[in-house]
Amino acid sequence: MKTTENYLAEIKEIRKMMEESSRFLSLSGLSGILIGIYALAGAFFAYRIIYLSSPVYLSGEHVAQPVTRLLIIAGVVLLSAFVTTIWLTFRRAKKMNKKIWNPGSRLMLLNLSIPLLSGGIFILVFIFREMYSIISPACLIFYGLALVNAAKFTRQEIFYMGILQITLGILAALFPAVGLLFWALGFGVIHIIYGALMYFRYEHRTKTDTL
C-alpha cells in the first residue's frame, strides 16, 4: 500500500515531466557569460569610435562611415552571441539527453523572436532617419520585453533579467549622453552575472551531483 510519501514523490515526478515538456531548461549559463564578454568588447570598440574619433562624428557627410563601423560591430557581437548560445545549449542538451527542439523550445523561441524582430525593425527605421539616441534604449527595452515574454517557457531567472534590461533601457532614454554605458551594463555586466548564477545554480550543481 502506498504511503503519503510515495504519492508526493509521484506527484513531484509528474510535475517535473510536465515542466520539462512545456519549458526549455537546457539554456547554458556559460553562454550568458560569453555573451556578456562579447558585449563589453563591442561597447569598448564603440566607445572608441564615438568618443575618441573625429569630433565632428555624426555631423554632415562624416556620419556614414562611423555608423557603418558601429553597425558592423553590432553585427559581429550579435552573430557571435547567437552562434555561442546555439553551440553551448546544444552541447548541454546532449549531455542531459534532452532534445534541443521540443515544444518548450519552440514556444520560447516564438515568444522571444516577436519582440526581438519588432525591435530590430524599429531600430533600423530610426537609424535610417539618423535618430541615433533611440538605439541604446530601444535595444535594451525590446530585449527586456523579449526575455519577459519568453521566461514562462524557460528558467524564471530570465524574467528578472528582462525586468532589469527594461529598467536600464528607460534610464538610457532619460540620460542619452551615457546610453552606451547603460547598454554595456545591460548586455555585458548583467549577462555575465546572470550567466554565472545560472551556471552555478543548475549546471555546476548537476556536475557535482553526478560525481
N, C-alpha and C. Protein backbone atom coordinates (compact mmCIF):
# COMPACT_ATOMS: atom_id res chain seq x y z
N MET A 1 0.85 -1.20 0.00
CA MET A 1 0.00 0.00 0.00
C MET A 1 0.89 1.26 0.00
N LYS A 2 0.55 2.20 -0.85
CA LYS A 2 1.37 3.39 -0.99
C LYS A 2 1.17 4.33 0.20
N THR A 3 2.27 4.89 0.63
CA THR A 3 2.22 5.87 1.72
C THR A 3 2.09 7.27 1.14
N THR A 4 1.91 8.24 2.04
CA THR A 4 1.80 9.65 1.61
C THR A 4 3.07 10.10 0.89
N GLU A 5 4.21 9.61 1.39
CA GLU A 5 5.48 9.98 0.76
C GLU A 5 5.56 9.46 -0.67
N ASN A 6 5.04 8.26 -0.91
CA ASN A 6 5.03 7.71 -2.27
C ASN A 6 4.19 8.57 -3.20
N TYR A 7 3.02 8.98 -2.73
CA TYR A 7 2.15 9.80 -3.55
C TYR A 7 2.80 11.16 -3.85
N LEU A 8 3.42 11.74 -2.84
CA LEU A 8 4.10 13.02 -3.03
C LEU A 8 5.24 12.89 -4.03
N ALA A 9 5.99 11.79 -3.95
CA ALA A 9 7.09 11.56 -4.88
C ALA A 9 6.57 11.41 -6.31
N GLU A 10 5.45 10.71 -6.48
CA GLU A 10 4.86 10.54 -7.81
C GLU A 10 4.36 11.86 -8.35
N ILE A 11 3.74 12.66 -7.48
CA ILE A 11 3.25 13.98 -7.91
C ILE A 11 4.41 14.86 -8.36
N LYS A 12 5.51 14.83 -7.60
CA LYS A 12 6.69 15.61 -7.97
C LYS A 12 7.26 15.15 -9.31
N GLU A 13 7.27 13.85 -9.54
CA GLU A 13 7.79 13.31 -10.79
C GLU A 13 6.90 13.71 -11.97
N ILE A 14 5.59 13.64 -11.77
CA ILE A 14 4.66 14.06 -12.83
C ILE A 14 4.82 15.55 -13.13
N ARG A 15 4.95 16.33 -12.07
CA ARG A 15 5.14 17.77 -12.25
C ARG A 15 6.43 18.06 -13.00
N LYS A 16 7.49 17.33 -12.68
CA LYS A 16 8.77 17.51 -13.36
C LYS A 16 8.65 17.17 -14.84
N MET A 17 7.95 16.09 -15.15
CA MET A 17 7.77 15.69 -16.55
C MET A 17 6.96 16.72 -17.32
N MET A 18 5.91 17.27 -16.71
CA MET A 18 5.10 18.29 -17.36
C MET A 18 5.90 19.55 -17.59
N GLU A 19 6.73 19.91 -16.61
CA GLU A 19 7.57 21.10 -16.73
C GLU A 19 8.57 20.96 -17.86
N GLU A 20 9.20 19.79 -17.94
CA GLU A 20 10.20 19.56 -18.99
C GLU A 20 9.58 19.53 -20.37
N SER A 21 8.31 19.14 -20.47
CA SER A 21 7.66 19.09 -21.78
C SER A 21 7.17 20.46 -22.24
N SER A 22 6.96 21.38 -21.32
CA SER A 22 6.42 22.69 -21.69
C SER A 22 7.42 23.82 -21.53
N ARG A 23 8.59 23.53 -20.92
CA ARG A 23 9.59 24.58 -20.72
C ARG A 23 10.94 24.08 -21.22
N PHE A 24 11.74 25.02 -21.76
CA PHE A 24 13.06 24.68 -22.27
C PHE A 24 14.07 24.98 -21.17
N LEU A 25 14.69 23.94 -20.61
CA LEU A 25 15.54 24.09 -19.44
C LEU A 25 17.01 23.80 -19.73
N SER A 26 17.38 23.78 -21.00
CA SER A 26 18.76 23.43 -21.36
C SER A 26 19.62 24.63 -21.71
N LEU A 27 19.14 25.84 -21.40
CA LEU A 27 19.94 27.02 -21.67
C LEU A 27 21.26 26.96 -20.90
N SER A 28 22.33 27.35 -21.54
CA SER A 28 23.66 27.28 -20.92
C SER A 28 24.01 28.58 -20.22
N GLY A 29 24.39 28.47 -18.95
CA GLY A 29 24.85 29.65 -18.22
C GLY A 29 26.16 30.18 -18.77
N LEU A 30 27.01 29.29 -19.26
CA LEU A 30 28.29 29.72 -19.85
C LEU A 30 28.07 30.62 -21.06
N SER A 31 27.02 30.34 -21.83
CA SER A 31 26.74 31.19 -22.98
C SER A 31 26.40 32.61 -22.54
N GLY A 32 25.69 32.74 -21.41
CA GLY A 32 25.39 34.08 -20.89
C GLY A 32 26.65 34.83 -20.51
N ILE A 33 27.61 34.13 -19.90
CA ILE A 33 28.88 34.78 -19.54
C ILE A 33 29.63 35.24 -20.77
N LEU A 34 29.71 34.38 -21.78
CA LEU A 34 30.43 34.73 -23.01
C LEU A 34 29.74 35.86 -23.76
N ILE A 35 28.41 35.84 -23.79
CA ILE A 35 27.67 36.92 -24.45
C ILE A 35 27.99 38.25 -23.78
N GLY A 36 28.05 38.24 -22.44
CA GLY A 36 28.40 39.46 -21.72
C GLY A 36 29.79 39.96 -22.07
N ILE A 37 30.73 39.04 -22.22
CA ILE A 37 32.10 39.43 -22.59
C ILE A 37 32.12 40.01 -24.00
N TYR A 38 31.39 39.38 -24.93
CA TYR A 38 31.31 39.91 -26.30
C TYR A 38 30.73 41.33 -26.28
N ALA A 39 29.69 41.52 -25.48
CA ALA A 39 29.03 42.83 -25.43
C ALA A 39 29.97 43.90 -24.88
N LEU A 40 30.71 43.56 -23.84
CA LEU A 40 31.66 44.53 -23.28
C LEU A 40 32.75 44.88 -24.28
N ALA A 41 33.22 43.88 -25.02
CA ALA A 41 34.23 44.15 -26.05
C ALA A 41 33.64 45.05 -27.14
N GLY A 42 32.40 44.77 -27.56
CA GLY A 42 31.75 45.62 -28.55
C GLY A 42 31.55 47.03 -28.04
N ALA A 43 31.17 47.18 -26.77
CA ALA A 43 30.98 48.52 -26.18
C ALA A 43 32.30 49.28 -26.14
N PHE A 44 33.40 48.56 -25.89
CA PHE A 44 34.72 49.21 -25.85
C PHE A 44 35.07 49.78 -27.22
N PHE A 45 34.89 48.99 -28.27
CA PHE A 45 35.21 49.48 -29.61
C PHE A 45 34.24 50.58 -30.04
N ALA A 46 32.98 50.46 -29.65
CA ALA A 46 32.00 51.51 -29.97
C ALA A 46 32.38 52.81 -29.27
N TYR A 47 32.85 52.71 -28.03
CA TYR A 47 33.28 53.90 -27.29
C TYR A 47 34.43 54.61 -28.00
N ARG A 48 35.36 53.83 -28.50
CA ARG A 48 36.50 54.42 -29.21
C ARG A 48 36.04 55.15 -30.47
N ILE A 49 35.08 54.55 -31.17
CA ILE A 49 34.58 55.18 -32.40
C ILE A 49 33.80 56.46 -32.08
N ILE A 50 32.95 56.40 -31.05
CA ILE A 50 32.08 57.53 -30.75
C ILE A 50 32.83 58.68 -30.09
N TYR A 51 33.67 58.37 -29.11
CA TYR A 51 34.25 59.43 -28.28
C TYR A 51 35.71 59.73 -28.58
N LEU A 52 36.42 58.83 -29.23
CA LEU A 52 37.84 59.05 -29.45
C LEU A 52 38.19 59.27 -30.92
N SER A 53 37.16 59.29 -31.78
CA SER A 53 37.42 59.57 -33.19
C SER A 53 37.21 61.05 -33.45
N SER A 54 36.90 61.39 -34.69
CA SER A 54 36.77 62.79 -35.08
C SER A 54 35.68 63.49 -34.27
N PRO A 55 35.91 64.71 -33.80
CA PRO A 55 34.91 65.44 -33.04
C PRO A 55 33.67 65.82 -33.85
N VAL A 56 33.76 65.68 -35.17
CA VAL A 56 32.60 66.01 -36.00
C VAL A 56 31.76 64.77 -36.25
N TYR A 57 31.98 63.74 -35.42
CA TYR A 57 31.22 62.50 -35.56
C TYR A 57 29.71 62.78 -35.52
N LEU A 58 28.99 62.10 -36.39
CA LEU A 58 27.54 62.25 -36.53
C LEU A 58 27.15 63.67 -36.95
N SER A 59 27.94 64.26 -37.83
CA SER A 59 27.57 65.57 -38.36
C SER A 59 27.88 65.61 -39.85
N GLY A 60 26.94 66.03 -40.62
CA GLY A 60 27.15 66.21 -42.05
C GLY A 60 27.53 64.96 -42.77
N GLU A 61 28.49 65.11 -43.73
CA GLU A 61 28.86 63.98 -44.56
C GLU A 61 29.73 62.98 -43.82
N HIS A 62 30.14 63.28 -42.60
CA HIS A 62 31.01 62.38 -41.84
C HIS A 62 30.23 61.31 -41.10
N VAL A 63 28.91 61.32 -41.21
CA VAL A 63 28.11 60.42 -40.40
C VAL A 63 28.16 58.97 -40.89
N ALA A 64 28.29 58.76 -42.20
CA ALA A 64 28.11 57.42 -42.77
C ALA A 64 29.15 56.42 -42.28
N GLN A 65 30.43 56.81 -42.33
CA GLN A 65 31.48 55.86 -42.00
C GLN A 65 31.42 55.37 -40.55
N PRO A 66 31.32 56.27 -39.54
CA PRO A 66 31.24 55.78 -38.16
C PRO A 66 30.03 54.91 -37.90
N VAL A 67 28.87 55.28 -38.46
CA VAL A 67 27.67 54.49 -38.26
C VAL A 67 27.82 53.10 -38.87
N THR A 68 28.44 53.03 -40.04
CA THR A 68 28.68 51.75 -40.68
C THR A 68 29.58 50.87 -39.81
N ARG A 69 30.61 51.48 -39.24
CA ARG A 69 31.52 50.73 -38.37
C ARG A 69 30.80 50.24 -37.11
N LEU A 70 29.92 51.06 -36.56
CA LEU A 70 29.16 50.65 -35.39
C LEU A 70 28.21 49.51 -35.72
N LEU A 71 27.59 49.57 -36.89
CA LEU A 71 26.69 48.50 -37.31
C LEU A 71 27.45 47.19 -37.52
N ILE A 72 28.67 47.28 -38.03
CA ILE A 72 29.49 46.08 -38.21
C ILE A 72 29.82 45.47 -36.85
N ILE A 73 30.19 46.31 -35.88
CA ILE A 73 30.49 45.82 -34.53
C ILE A 73 29.26 45.15 -33.93
N ALA A 74 28.10 45.80 -34.07
CA ALA A 74 26.86 45.23 -33.53
C ALA A 74 26.55 43.90 -34.20
N GLY A 75 26.77 43.82 -35.51
CA GLY A 75 26.52 42.57 -36.22
C GLY A 75 27.43 41.44 -35.77
N VAL A 76 28.71 41.77 -35.56
CA VAL A 76 29.67 40.75 -35.10
C VAL A 76 29.30 40.26 -33.71
N VAL A 77 28.95 41.19 -32.81
CA VAL A 77 28.55 40.81 -31.45
C VAL A 77 27.30 39.94 -31.48
N LEU A 78 26.32 40.34 -32.29
CA LEU A 78 25.07 39.58 -32.37
C LEU A 78 25.29 38.18 -32.94
N LEU A 79 26.08 38.08 -34.01
CA LEU A 79 26.36 36.78 -34.61
C LEU A 79 27.14 35.89 -33.66
N SER A 80 28.13 36.45 -32.99
CA SER A 80 28.93 35.67 -32.04
C SER A 80 28.06 35.16 -30.90
N ALA A 81 27.17 36.02 -30.40
CA ALA A 81 26.28 35.62 -29.31
C ALA A 81 25.33 34.51 -29.76
N PHE A 82 24.81 34.63 -30.97
CA PHE A 82 23.87 33.63 -31.48
C PHE A 82 24.55 32.28 -31.65
N VAL A 83 25.72 32.26 -32.28
CA VAL A 83 26.45 31.01 -32.51
C VAL A 83 26.85 30.36 -31.19
N THR A 84 27.33 31.18 -30.24
CA THR A 84 27.75 30.66 -28.94
C THR A 84 26.58 30.05 -28.18
N THR A 85 25.44 30.74 -28.19
CA THR A 85 24.25 30.24 -27.48
C THR A 85 23.78 28.91 -28.06
N ILE A 86 23.70 28.82 -29.40
CA ILE A 86 23.26 27.59 -30.04
C ILE A 86 24.22 26.45 -29.74
N TRP A 87 25.51 26.71 -29.86
CA TRP A 87 26.51 25.65 -29.67
C TRP A 87 26.52 25.13 -28.24
N LEU A 88 26.58 26.03 -27.24
CA LEU A 88 26.65 25.59 -25.84
C LEU A 88 25.33 24.99 -25.37
N THR A 89 24.21 25.52 -25.85
CA THR A 89 22.92 24.96 -25.47
C THR A 89 22.75 23.57 -26.07
N PHE A 90 23.14 23.41 -27.32
CA PHE A 90 23.07 22.09 -27.95
C PHE A 90 23.95 21.10 -27.21
N ARG A 91 25.15 21.52 -26.82
CA ARG A 91 26.07 20.63 -26.10
C ARG A 91 25.50 20.24 -24.74
N ARG A 92 24.89 21.20 -24.04
CA ARG A 92 24.31 20.88 -22.73
C ARG A 92 23.11 19.97 -22.87
N ALA A 93 22.26 20.23 -23.87
CA ALA A 93 21.09 19.36 -24.08
C ALA A 93 21.52 17.93 -24.39
N LYS A 94 22.60 17.80 -25.15
CA LYS A 94 23.11 16.47 -25.49
C LYS A 94 23.60 15.74 -24.24
N LYS A 95 24.30 16.46 -23.35
CA LYS A 95 24.78 15.85 -22.12
C LYS A 95 23.63 15.42 -21.23
N MET A 96 22.52 16.18 -21.28
CA MET A 96 21.36 15.87 -20.45
C MET A 96 20.42 14.87 -21.12
N ASN A 97 20.79 14.44 -22.34
CA ASN A 97 19.93 13.54 -23.12
C ASN A 97 18.56 14.14 -23.38
N LYS A 98 18.57 15.46 -23.67
CA LYS A 98 17.35 16.17 -23.98
C LYS A 98 17.38 16.63 -25.43
N LYS A 99 16.21 16.73 -26.04
CA LYS A 99 16.12 17.27 -27.39
C LYS A 99 16.12 18.79 -27.34
N ILE A 100 16.94 19.39 -28.20
CA ILE A 100 17.01 20.85 -28.21
C ILE A 100 15.77 21.45 -28.89
N TRP A 101 15.12 20.66 -29.76
CA TRP A 101 13.93 21.15 -30.47
C TRP A 101 12.72 20.38 -29.95
N ASN A 102 12.00 20.99 -29.03
CA ASN A 102 10.83 20.37 -28.41
C ASN A 102 9.75 21.43 -28.23
N PRO A 103 8.56 21.08 -27.74
CA PRO A 103 7.50 22.09 -27.58
C PRO A 103 7.93 23.29 -26.74
N GLY A 104 8.72 23.04 -25.68
CA GLY A 104 9.17 24.14 -24.84
C GLY A 104 10.09 25.10 -25.57
N SER A 105 11.05 24.56 -26.32
CA SER A 105 11.98 25.42 -27.06
C SER A 105 11.28 26.18 -28.18
N ARG A 106 10.30 25.54 -28.82
CA ARG A 106 9.55 26.22 -29.89
C ARG A 106 8.74 27.39 -29.34
N LEU A 107 8.08 27.16 -28.21
CA LEU A 107 7.30 28.24 -27.60
C LEU A 107 8.20 29.36 -27.10
N MET A 108 9.34 29.00 -26.51
CA MET A 108 10.28 30.01 -26.05
C MET A 108 10.80 30.85 -27.20
N LEU A 109 11.18 30.18 -28.29
CA LEU A 109 11.73 30.88 -29.45
C LEU A 109 10.69 31.81 -30.08
N LEU A 110 9.45 31.35 -30.18
CA LEU A 110 8.38 32.17 -30.74
C LEU A 110 8.15 33.42 -29.91
N ASN A 111 8.05 33.24 -28.60
CA ASN A 111 7.80 34.38 -27.72
C ASN A 111 9.00 35.31 -27.61
N LEU A 112 10.19 34.78 -27.84
CA LEU A 112 11.40 35.60 -27.82
C LEU A 112 11.55 36.39 -29.11
N SER A 113 11.23 35.75 -30.24
CA SER A 113 11.52 36.35 -31.54
C SER A 113 10.59 37.51 -31.90
N ILE A 114 9.34 37.47 -31.46
CA ILE A 114 8.40 38.53 -31.85
C ILE A 114 8.86 39.91 -31.35
N PRO A 115 9.15 40.09 -30.05
CA PRO A 115 9.67 41.40 -29.62
C PRO A 115 11.03 41.73 -30.23
N LEU A 116 11.90 40.72 -30.41
CA LEU A 116 13.22 40.99 -30.97
C LEU A 116 13.14 41.48 -32.41
N LEU A 117 12.34 40.80 -33.23
CA LEU A 117 12.19 41.22 -34.63
C LEU A 117 11.53 42.58 -34.73
N SER A 118 10.50 42.80 -33.92
CA SER A 118 9.82 44.10 -33.92
C SER A 118 10.80 45.21 -33.52
N GLY A 119 11.58 44.93 -32.46
CA GLY A 119 12.56 45.91 -32.01
C GLY A 119 13.64 46.16 -33.04
N GLY A 120 14.10 45.10 -33.71
CA GLY A 120 15.12 45.27 -34.74
C GLY A 120 14.65 46.16 -35.88
N ILE A 121 13.44 45.94 -36.34
CA ILE A 121 12.88 46.77 -37.41
C ILE A 121 12.71 48.21 -36.94
N PHE A 122 12.21 48.36 -35.72
CA PHE A 122 12.01 49.68 -35.13
C PHE A 122 13.33 50.45 -35.08
N ILE A 123 14.40 49.79 -34.64
CA ILE A 123 15.71 50.44 -34.53
C ILE A 123 16.26 50.80 -35.90
N LEU A 124 16.12 49.90 -36.88
CA LEU A 124 16.61 50.18 -38.23
C LEU A 124 15.92 51.40 -38.83
N VAL A 125 14.63 51.55 -38.57
CA VAL A 125 13.89 52.73 -39.07
C VAL A 125 14.52 54.01 -38.53
N PHE A 126 14.83 54.03 -37.26
CA PHE A 126 15.40 55.23 -36.66
C PHE A 126 16.85 55.44 -37.07
N ILE A 127 17.57 54.36 -37.36
CA ILE A 127 18.93 54.52 -37.88
C ILE A 127 18.90 55.19 -39.24
N PHE A 128 18.00 54.75 -40.13
CA PHE A 128 17.89 55.35 -41.46
C PHE A 128 17.43 56.81 -41.37
N ARG A 129 16.73 57.15 -40.31
CA ARG A 129 16.31 58.54 -40.12
C ARG A 129 17.34 59.36 -39.34
N GLU A 130 18.49 58.73 -39.03
CA GLU A 130 19.60 59.36 -38.33
C GLU A 130 19.19 59.86 -36.94
N MET A 131 18.34 59.09 -36.27
CA MET A 131 17.94 59.40 -34.90
C MET A 131 18.62 58.38 -33.98
N TYR A 132 19.90 58.62 -33.71
CA TYR A 132 20.74 57.59 -33.09
C TYR A 132 20.56 57.47 -31.58
N SER A 133 20.03 58.49 -30.94
CA SER A 133 19.88 58.43 -29.48
C SER A 133 18.86 57.39 -29.04
N ILE A 134 18.03 56.93 -29.96
CA ILE A 134 16.99 55.94 -29.63
C ILE A 134 17.55 54.52 -29.61
N ILE A 135 18.73 54.31 -30.19
CA ILE A 135 19.23 52.95 -30.40
C ILE A 135 19.46 52.21 -29.09
N SER A 136 20.24 52.81 -28.18
CA SER A 136 20.57 52.13 -26.92
C SER A 136 19.34 51.80 -26.08
N PRO A 137 18.46 52.78 -25.80
CA PRO A 137 17.27 52.43 -25.01
C PRO A 137 16.36 51.43 -25.70
N ALA A 138 16.22 51.54 -27.04
CA ALA A 138 15.35 50.61 -27.76
C ALA A 138 15.90 49.19 -27.71
N CYS A 139 17.22 49.04 -27.86
CA CYS A 139 17.84 47.70 -27.77
C CYS A 139 17.53 47.06 -26.43
N LEU A 140 17.73 47.81 -25.36
CA LEU A 140 17.54 47.28 -24.02
C LEU A 140 16.07 46.98 -23.73
N ILE A 141 15.19 47.89 -24.11
CA ILE A 141 13.77 47.71 -23.79
C ILE A 141 13.18 46.54 -24.57
N PHE A 142 13.42 46.48 -25.87
CA PHE A 142 12.86 45.38 -26.66
C PHE A 142 13.47 44.03 -26.27
N TYR A 143 14.75 44.03 -25.94
CA TYR A 143 15.38 42.79 -25.49
C TYR A 143 14.78 42.36 -24.15
N GLY A 144 14.58 43.32 -23.26
CA GLY A 144 13.96 43.00 -21.98
C GLY A 144 12.55 42.46 -22.14
N LEU A 145 11.78 43.07 -23.04
CA LEU A 145 10.43 42.57 -23.30
C LEU A 145 10.46 41.15 -23.86
N ALA A 146 11.44 40.88 -24.72
CA ALA A 146 11.58 39.53 -25.28
C ALA A 146 11.87 38.52 -24.18
N LEU A 147 12.75 38.87 -23.25
CA LEU A 147 13.08 37.96 -22.15
C LEU A 147 11.88 37.72 -21.24
N VAL A 148 11.17 38.79 -20.90
CA VAL A 148 9.98 38.65 -20.06
C VAL A 148 8.94 37.77 -20.75
N ASN A 149 8.80 37.97 -22.05
CA ASN A 149 7.81 37.21 -22.81
C ASN A 149 8.16 35.73 -22.91
N ALA A 150 9.46 35.43 -23.00
CA ALA A 150 9.91 34.04 -23.16
C ALA A 150 10.14 33.33 -21.84
N ALA A 151 10.16 34.07 -20.73
CA ALA A 151 10.55 33.48 -19.45
C ALA A 151 9.61 32.37 -18.99
N LYS A 152 8.34 32.46 -19.36
CA LYS A 152 7.40 31.43 -18.89
C LYS A 152 7.64 30.08 -19.54
N PHE A 153 8.53 30.03 -20.54
CA PHE A 153 8.84 28.77 -21.19
C PHE A 153 10.28 28.34 -20.93
N THR A 154 10.92 28.97 -19.95
CA THR A 154 12.28 28.57 -19.57
C THR A 154 12.49 28.90 -18.10
N ARG A 155 13.73 29.14 -17.68
CA ARG A 155 14.02 29.42 -16.29
C ARG A 155 13.40 30.75 -15.85
N GLN A 156 12.92 30.81 -14.62
CA GLN A 156 12.26 32.00 -14.10
C GLN A 156 13.24 33.17 -13.96
N GLU A 157 14.53 32.87 -13.80
CA GLU A 157 15.53 33.93 -13.68
C GLU A 157 15.54 34.85 -14.90
N ILE A 158 15.17 34.30 -16.06
CA ILE A 158 15.15 35.10 -17.29
C ILE A 158 14.16 36.25 -17.18
N PHE A 159 13.06 36.03 -16.46
CA PHE A 159 12.06 37.09 -16.27
C PHE A 159 12.68 38.30 -15.56
N TYR A 160 13.42 38.04 -14.49
CA TYR A 160 14.00 39.14 -13.72
C TYR A 160 15.11 39.83 -14.50
N MET A 161 15.85 39.08 -15.30
CA MET A 161 16.85 39.72 -16.15
C MET A 161 16.18 40.64 -17.16
N GLY A 162 15.02 40.22 -17.68
CA GLY A 162 14.28 41.06 -18.61
C GLY A 162 13.83 42.36 -17.96
N ILE A 163 13.35 42.28 -16.72
CA ILE A 163 12.93 43.49 -15.99
C ILE A 163 14.10 44.45 -15.83
N LEU A 164 15.28 43.92 -15.50
CA LEU A 164 16.47 44.76 -15.36
C LEU A 164 16.83 45.43 -16.68
N GLN A 165 16.72 44.68 -17.79
CA GLN A 165 17.05 45.25 -19.10
C GLN A 165 16.08 46.39 -19.44
N ILE A 166 14.81 46.20 -19.16
CA ILE A 166 13.82 47.25 -19.43
C ILE A 166 14.12 48.49 -18.59
N THR A 167 14.45 48.28 -17.33
CA THR A 167 14.78 49.40 -16.44
C THR A 167 15.98 50.18 -16.95
N LEU A 168 17.01 49.47 -17.37
CA LEU A 168 18.20 50.14 -17.92
C LEU A 168 17.86 50.87 -19.21
N GLY A 169 16.96 50.30 -20.01
CA GLY A 169 16.54 50.96 -21.24
C GLY A 169 15.84 52.28 -20.97
N ILE A 170 14.99 52.30 -19.97
CA ILE A 170 14.31 53.55 -19.59
C ILE A 170 15.32 54.58 -19.09
N LEU A 171 16.28 54.14 -18.30
CA LEU A 171 17.33 55.05 -17.83
C LEU A 171 18.16 55.58 -18.99
N ALA A 172 18.44 54.72 -19.97
CA ALA A 172 19.19 55.16 -21.15
C ALA A 172 18.42 56.20 -21.93
N ALA A 173 17.09 56.09 -21.97
CA ALA A 173 16.27 57.09 -22.64
C ALA A 173 16.27 58.42 -21.88
N LEU A 174 16.32 58.33 -20.55
CA LEU A 174 16.33 59.55 -19.72
C LEU A 174 17.68 60.24 -19.75
N PHE A 175 18.75 59.45 -19.91
CA PHE A 175 20.11 60.01 -19.91
C PHE A 175 20.83 59.55 -21.18
N PRO A 176 20.44 60.08 -22.33
CA PRO A 176 21.01 59.61 -23.61
C PRO A 176 22.52 59.83 -23.75
N ALA A 177 23.07 60.78 -23.00
CA ALA A 177 24.50 61.05 -23.11
C ALA A 177 25.35 59.87 -22.65
N VAL A 178 24.79 59.04 -21.78
CA VAL A 178 25.52 57.87 -21.28
C VAL A 178 24.79 56.59 -21.68
N GLY A 179 24.10 56.63 -22.81
CA GLY A 179 23.35 55.47 -23.28
C GLY A 179 24.24 54.26 -23.51
N LEU A 180 25.47 54.48 -23.99
CA LEU A 180 26.38 53.36 -24.23
C LEU A 180 26.74 52.66 -22.92
N LEU A 181 26.85 53.44 -21.84
CA LEU A 181 27.16 52.85 -20.53
C LEU A 181 26.03 51.91 -20.08
N PHE A 182 24.78 52.36 -20.23
CA PHE A 182 23.65 51.50 -19.86
C PHE A 182 23.58 50.27 -20.77
N TRP A 183 23.93 50.44 -22.04
CA TRP A 183 23.96 49.31 -22.97
C TRP A 183 24.99 48.28 -22.51
N ALA A 184 26.17 48.77 -22.11
CA ALA A 184 27.23 47.87 -21.64
C ALA A 184 26.82 47.17 -20.34
N LEU A 185 26.14 47.89 -19.46
CA LEU A 185 25.67 47.28 -18.22
C LEU A 185 24.64 46.18 -18.50
N GLY A 186 23.70 46.49 -19.40
CA GLY A 186 22.63 45.54 -19.68
C GLY A 186 23.10 44.30 -20.42
N PHE A 187 23.75 44.51 -21.55
CA PHE A 187 24.16 43.38 -22.37
C PHE A 187 25.47 42.75 -21.91
N GLY A 188 26.27 43.52 -21.16
CA GLY A 188 27.55 43.00 -20.70
C GLY A 188 27.51 42.48 -19.28
N VAL A 189 27.44 43.41 -18.33
CA VAL A 189 27.57 43.05 -16.91
C VAL A 189 26.43 42.14 -16.45
N ILE A 190 25.19 42.50 -16.78
CA ILE A 190 24.05 41.69 -16.32
C ILE A 190 24.10 40.29 -16.92
N HIS A 191 24.50 40.18 -18.18
CA HIS A 191 24.61 38.85 -18.79
C HIS A 191 25.66 38.00 -18.07
N ILE A 192 26.77 38.60 -17.72
CA ILE A 192 27.82 37.85 -17.02
C ILE A 192 27.33 37.39 -15.64
N ILE A 193 26.68 38.29 -14.91
CA ILE A 193 26.18 37.95 -13.57
C ILE A 193 25.13 36.84 -13.65
N TYR A 194 24.16 37.01 -14.54
CA TYR A 194 23.10 36.01 -14.63
C TYR A 194 23.62 34.70 -15.23
N GLY A 195 24.57 34.79 -16.16
CA GLY A 195 25.15 33.57 -16.70
C GLY A 195 25.87 32.78 -15.61
N ALA A 196 26.63 33.48 -14.76
CA ALA A 196 27.32 32.81 -13.66
C ALA A 196 26.32 32.23 -12.66
N LEU A 197 25.26 32.98 -12.38
CA LEU A 197 24.23 32.49 -11.46
C LEU A 197 23.58 31.22 -11.99
N MET A 198 23.23 31.22 -13.28
CA MET A 198 22.58 30.06 -13.88
C MET A 198 23.54 28.87 -13.90
N TYR A 199 24.81 29.14 -14.19
CA TYR A 199 25.78 28.05 -14.27
C TYR A 199 25.94 27.37 -12.91
N PHE A 200 26.17 28.16 -11.85
CA PHE A 200 26.42 27.57 -10.54
C PHE A 200 25.15 27.02 -9.90
N ARG A 201 23.99 27.54 -10.29
CA ARG A 201 22.74 27.05 -9.71
C ARG A 201 22.29 25.75 -10.35
N TYR A 202 22.52 25.59 -11.66
CA TYR A 202 21.98 24.43 -12.37
C TYR A 202 23.06 23.51 -12.94
N GLU A 203 24.01 24.06 -13.69
CA GLU A 203 25.00 23.22 -14.37
C GLU A 203 26.06 22.68 -13.43
N HIS A 204 26.65 23.56 -12.62
CA HIS A 204 27.71 23.13 -11.72
C HIS A 204 27.17 22.16 -10.67
N ARG A 205 25.95 22.43 -10.18
CA ARG A 205 25.34 21.54 -9.19
C ARG A 205 25.07 20.16 -9.79
N THR A 206 24.65 20.15 -11.06
CA THR A 206 24.37 18.88 -11.73
C THR A 206 25.65 18.05 -11.87
N LYS A 207 26.75 18.73 -12.23
CA LYS A 207 28.02 18.03 -12.35
C LYS A 207 28.47 17.46 -11.01
N THR A 208 28.27 18.24 -9.95
CA THR A 208 28.68 17.79 -8.61
C THR A 208 27.85 16.59 -8.17
N ASP A 209 26.55 16.61 -8.48
CA ASP A 209 25.67 15.52 -8.07
C ASP A 209 26.00 14.21 -8.76
N THR A 210 26.56 14.30 -9.99
CA THR A 210 26.86 13.09 -10.75
C THR A 210 28.20 12.47 -10.37
N LEU A 211 28.98 13.22 -9.58
CA LEU A 211 30.29 12.68 -9.17
C LEU A 211 30.14 11.63 -8.09
